[in-house]
């Protein structure tokens, strides 16, 4: 959480493991997004076989810690800047 504001129910329903409100969810995109996605081709062939059979693709999503830290730093800096 960056600003301690409650997460909107629509956002929480769409992205259950989010930690950001909608405003910061959009803002983190400039740092690479809240999550990193990776995909891996599944192999269905036996380990000892020379023939390679591929199945589906499995995806994993991990939190983008670097982007979260950059967003937090930007938020903290904005809190201390005087308004004009």
N, C-alpha and C. Protein backbone atom coordinates (compact mmCIF):
# COMPACT_ATOMS: atom_id res chain seq x y z
N UNK A 1 0.84 -1.18 0.00
CA UNK A 1 0.00 0.00 0.00
C UNK A 1 0.89 1.24 0.00
N UNK A 2 0.51 2.18 -0.79
CA UNK A 2 1.29 3.40 -0.92
C UNK A 2 0.64 4.53 -0.14
N UNK A 3 -0.63 4.80 -0.41
CA UNK A 3 -1.29 5.97 0.17
C UNK A 3 -2.24 5.62 1.32
N UNK A 4 -2.36 4.37 1.66
CA UNK A 4 -3.23 3.89 2.75
C UNK A 4 -4.71 4.08 2.45
N UNK A 5 -5.06 4.39 1.20
CA UNK A 5 -6.46 4.53 0.80
C UNK A 5 -7.04 3.13 0.57
N UNK A 6 -8.33 2.94 0.81
CA UNK A 6 -8.93 1.63 0.55
C UNK A 6 -8.91 1.31 -0.94
N UNK A 7 -8.77 0.04 -1.25
CA UNK A 7 -8.76 -0.41 -2.64
C UNK A 7 -10.21 -0.55 -3.09
N UNK A 8 -10.51 -0.01 -4.26
CA UNK A 8 -11.86 -0.03 -4.79
C UNK A 8 -12.31 -1.48 -5.01
N UNK A 9 -13.57 -1.76 -4.75
CA UNK A 9 -14.07 -3.13 -4.84
C UNK A 9 -13.96 -3.69 -6.26
N UNK A 10 -14.15 -2.85 -7.28
CA UNK A 10 -14.03 -3.32 -8.67
C UNK A 10 -12.60 -3.75 -8.96
N UNK A 11 -11.64 -2.96 -8.47
CA UNK A 11 -10.23 -3.30 -8.69
C UNK A 11 -9.85 -4.56 -7.93
N UNK A 12 -10.33 -4.67 -6.71
CA UNK A 12 -10.03 -5.83 -5.89
C UNK A 12 -10.64 -7.11 -6.49
N UNK A 13 -11.80 -6.98 -7.11
CA UNK A 13 -12.43 -8.12 -7.76
C UNK A 13 -11.66 -8.53 -9.01
N UNK A 14 -11.18 -7.54 -9.77
CA UNK A 14 -10.44 -7.83 -11.01
C UNK A 14 -9.03 -8.33 -10.73
N UNK A 15 -8.38 -7.77 -9.70
CA UNK A 15 -7.00 -8.15 -9.35
C UNK A 15 -6.99 -8.44 -7.85
N UNK A 16 -7.33 -9.67 -7.45
CA UNK A 16 -7.50 -9.98 -6.03
C UNK A 16 -6.26 -9.74 -5.16
N UNK A 17 -5.07 -9.89 -5.70
CA UNK A 17 -3.87 -9.73 -4.86
C UNK A 17 -3.19 -8.37 -5.03
N UNK A 18 -3.94 -7.37 -5.51
CA UNK A 18 -3.37 -6.03 -5.65
C UNK A 18 -3.20 -5.38 -4.28
N UNK A 19 -2.23 -4.48 -4.21
CA UNK A 19 -2.01 -3.71 -2.99
C UNK A 19 -2.16 -2.22 -3.25
N UNK A 20 -2.64 -1.86 -4.45
CA UNK A 20 -2.69 -0.47 -4.85
C UNK A 20 -4.10 -0.01 -5.17
N UNK A 21 -4.37 1.25 -4.86
CA UNK A 21 -5.63 1.85 -5.28
C UNK A 21 -5.56 2.07 -6.79
N UNK A 22 -6.67 2.46 -7.40
CA UNK A 22 -6.72 2.62 -8.85
C UNK A 22 -5.74 3.69 -9.34
N UNK A 23 -5.64 4.80 -8.62
CA UNK A 23 -4.74 5.88 -9.04
C UNK A 23 -3.29 5.41 -9.06
N UNK A 24 -2.87 4.73 -8.02
CA UNK A 24 -1.49 4.25 -7.98
C UNK A 24 -1.30 3.03 -8.88
N UNK A 25 -2.36 2.29 -9.15
CA UNK A 25 -2.29 1.19 -10.10
C UNK A 25 -1.96 1.70 -11.50
N UNK A 26 -2.48 2.86 -11.85
CA UNK A 26 -2.16 3.47 -13.15
C UNK A 26 -0.77 4.09 -13.11
N UNK A 27 -0.42 4.70 -12.00
CA UNK A 27 0.87 5.38 -11.88
C UNK A 27 2.05 4.41 -11.92
N UNK A 28 1.88 3.20 -11.39
CA UNK A 28 2.98 2.25 -11.36
C UNK A 28 3.34 1.72 -12.75
N UNK A 29 2.45 1.91 -13.71
CA UNK A 29 2.73 1.45 -15.07
C UNK A 29 3.99 2.09 -15.65
N UNK A 30 4.30 3.32 -15.24
CA UNK A 30 5.51 3.97 -15.73
C UNK A 30 6.78 3.32 -15.21
N UNK A 31 6.66 2.51 -14.17
CA UNK A 31 7.81 1.80 -13.60
C UNK A 31 7.83 0.32 -13.97
N UNK A 32 6.91 -0.11 -14.81
CA UNK A 32 6.90 -1.50 -15.26
C UNK A 32 5.70 -2.31 -14.79
N UNK A 33 4.79 -1.72 -14.06
CA UNK A 33 3.59 -2.43 -13.62
C UNK A 33 3.74 -3.05 -12.25
N UNK A 34 2.62 -3.39 -11.64
CA UNK A 34 2.61 -3.96 -10.29
C UNK A 34 3.11 -5.41 -10.29
N UNK A 35 2.90 -6.11 -11.40
CA UNK A 35 3.29 -7.52 -11.48
C UNK A 35 4.16 -7.78 -12.69
N UNK A 36 5.02 -8.77 -12.58
CA UNK A 36 5.80 -9.27 -13.71
C UNK A 36 5.18 -10.60 -14.12
N UNK A 37 4.96 -10.78 -15.41
CA UNK A 37 4.40 -12.02 -15.92
C UNK A 37 5.49 -12.81 -16.62
N UNK A 38 5.49 -14.11 -16.43
CA UNK A 38 6.43 -14.96 -17.16
C UNK A 38 5.67 -16.20 -17.63
N UNK A 39 6.12 -16.74 -18.74
CA UNK A 39 5.46 -17.91 -19.32
C UNK A 39 6.51 -18.98 -19.59
N UNK A 40 6.10 -20.23 -19.46
CA UNK A 40 7.00 -21.35 -19.71
C UNK A 40 6.25 -22.43 -20.47
N UNK A 41 6.88 -22.92 -21.51
CA UNK A 41 6.29 -24.00 -22.30
C UNK A 41 6.39 -25.30 -21.50
N UNK A 42 5.28 -25.99 -21.34
CA UNK A 42 5.27 -27.26 -20.62
C UNK A 42 5.69 -28.38 -21.57
N UNK A 43 6.50 -29.27 -21.06
CA UNK A 43 6.92 -30.44 -21.86
C UNK A 43 6.17 -31.66 -21.33
N UNK A 44 5.60 -32.42 -22.27
CA UNK A 44 4.85 -33.60 -21.87
C UNK A 44 5.60 -34.89 -22.20
N UNK A 45 6.78 -34.75 -22.79
CA UNK A 45 7.55 -35.95 -23.14
C UNK A 45 8.27 -36.48 -21.91
N UNK A 46 8.69 -37.74 -22.00
CA UNK A 46 9.43 -38.36 -20.91
C UNK A 46 10.82 -37.76 -20.84
N UNK A 47 11.40 -37.73 -19.68
CA UNK A 47 12.72 -37.14 -19.50
C UNK A 47 13.80 -37.90 -20.28
N UNK A 48 13.64 -39.18 -20.44
CA UNK A 48 14.66 -39.99 -21.13
C UNK A 48 14.44 -40.05 -22.64
N UNK A 49 13.37 -39.46 -23.13
CA UNK A 49 13.03 -39.53 -24.55
C UNK A 49 13.75 -38.44 -25.34
N UNK A 50 14.19 -38.79 -26.55
CA UNK A 50 14.79 -37.79 -27.44
C UNK A 50 13.71 -36.96 -28.14
N UNK A 51 12.53 -37.51 -28.21
CA UNK A 51 11.41 -36.80 -28.83
C UNK A 51 10.86 -35.79 -27.82
N UNK A 52 10.66 -34.57 -28.26
CA UNK A 52 10.16 -33.52 -27.38
C UNK A 52 8.72 -33.20 -27.74
N UNK A 53 7.84 -33.38 -26.80
CA UNK A 53 6.43 -33.03 -26.97
C UNK A 53 6.12 -31.85 -26.06
N UNK A 54 5.46 -30.87 -26.62
CA UNK A 54 5.10 -29.70 -25.83
C UNK A 54 3.61 -29.70 -25.54
N UNK A 55 3.29 -29.29 -24.33
CA UNK A 55 1.89 -29.17 -23.94
C UNK A 55 1.49 -27.71 -23.98
N UNK A 56 0.81 -27.28 -22.97
CA UNK A 56 0.35 -25.89 -22.91
C UNK A 56 1.43 -24.96 -22.41
N UNK A 57 1.02 -23.78 -22.08
CA UNK A 57 1.93 -22.78 -21.55
C UNK A 57 1.45 -22.43 -20.15
N UNK A 58 2.36 -22.50 -19.18
CA UNK A 58 2.00 -22.11 -17.82
C UNK A 58 2.55 -20.72 -17.55
N UNK A 59 1.75 -19.91 -16.91
CA UNK A 59 2.16 -18.55 -16.60
C UNK A 59 2.26 -18.36 -15.10
N UNK A 60 3.16 -17.48 -14.70
CA UNK A 60 3.28 -17.12 -13.30
C UNK A 60 3.33 -15.60 -13.20
N UNK A 61 2.83 -15.10 -12.11
CA UNK A 61 2.80 -13.66 -11.87
C UNK A 61 3.46 -13.39 -10.53
N UNK A 62 4.47 -12.52 -10.54
CA UNK A 62 5.15 -12.15 -9.30
C UNK A 62 5.09 -10.64 -9.14
N UNK A 63 5.09 -10.21 -7.91
CA UNK A 63 5.02 -8.77 -7.63
C UNK A 63 6.32 -8.10 -8.08
N UNK A 64 6.21 -6.97 -8.72
CA UNK A 64 7.35 -6.21 -9.21
C UNK A 64 7.85 -5.32 -8.06
N UNK A 65 8.76 -5.85 -7.26
CA UNK A 65 9.24 -5.17 -6.06
C UNK A 65 9.96 -3.86 -6.41
N UNK A 66 10.75 -3.88 -7.47
CA UNK A 66 11.49 -2.67 -7.88
C UNK A 66 10.52 -1.55 -8.23
N UNK A 67 9.48 -1.87 -8.98
CA UNK A 67 8.49 -0.86 -9.36
C UNK A 67 7.74 -0.34 -8.13
N UNK A 68 7.44 -1.23 -7.19
CA UNK A 68 6.75 -0.81 -5.97
C UNK A 68 7.62 0.16 -5.18
N UNK A 69 8.92 -0.12 -5.10
CA UNK A 69 9.84 0.76 -4.37
C UNK A 69 9.94 2.13 -5.06
N UNK A 70 10.01 2.13 -6.39
CA UNK A 70 10.09 3.40 -7.13
C UNK A 70 8.81 4.21 -6.94
N UNK A 71 7.66 3.54 -6.97
CA UNK A 71 6.40 4.23 -6.75
C UNK A 71 6.33 4.82 -5.35
N UNK A 72 6.77 4.06 -4.37
CA UNK A 72 6.77 4.53 -2.97
C UNK A 72 7.69 5.73 -2.83
N UNK A 73 8.88 5.69 -3.46
CA UNK A 73 9.80 6.82 -3.40
C UNK A 73 9.19 8.07 -4.06
N UNK A 74 8.54 7.88 -5.20
CA UNK A 74 7.90 9.01 -5.90
C UNK A 74 6.78 9.59 -5.04
N UNK A 75 6.01 8.74 -4.38
CA UNK A 75 4.92 9.19 -3.52
C UNK A 75 5.47 9.97 -2.33
N UNK A 76 6.52 9.43 -1.69
CA UNK A 76 7.12 10.10 -0.55
C UNK A 76 7.70 11.46 -0.96
N UNK A 77 8.35 11.53 -2.11
CA UNK A 77 8.92 12.78 -2.59
C UNK A 77 7.82 13.80 -2.86
N UNK A 78 6.71 13.37 -3.42
CA UNK A 78 5.59 14.29 -3.71
C UNK A 78 4.97 14.83 -2.43
N UNK A 79 5.03 14.07 -1.35
CA UNK A 79 4.45 14.53 -0.08
C UNK A 79 5.25 15.67 0.53
N UNK A 80 6.54 15.74 0.23
CA UNK A 80 7.40 16.74 0.81
C UNK A 80 7.63 17.96 -0.08
N UNK A 81 7.17 17.89 -1.33
CA UNK A 81 7.33 19.02 -2.24
C UNK A 81 6.28 20.08 -1.91
N UNK A 82 6.68 21.35 -1.85
CA UNK A 82 5.68 22.40 -1.60
C UNK A 82 4.78 22.59 -2.81
N UNK A 83 3.50 22.83 -2.56
CA UNK A 83 2.56 23.06 -3.65
C UNK A 83 2.63 24.51 -4.09
N UNK A 84 2.50 24.75 -5.38
CA UNK A 84 2.57 26.11 -5.91
C UNK A 84 1.19 26.69 -6.10
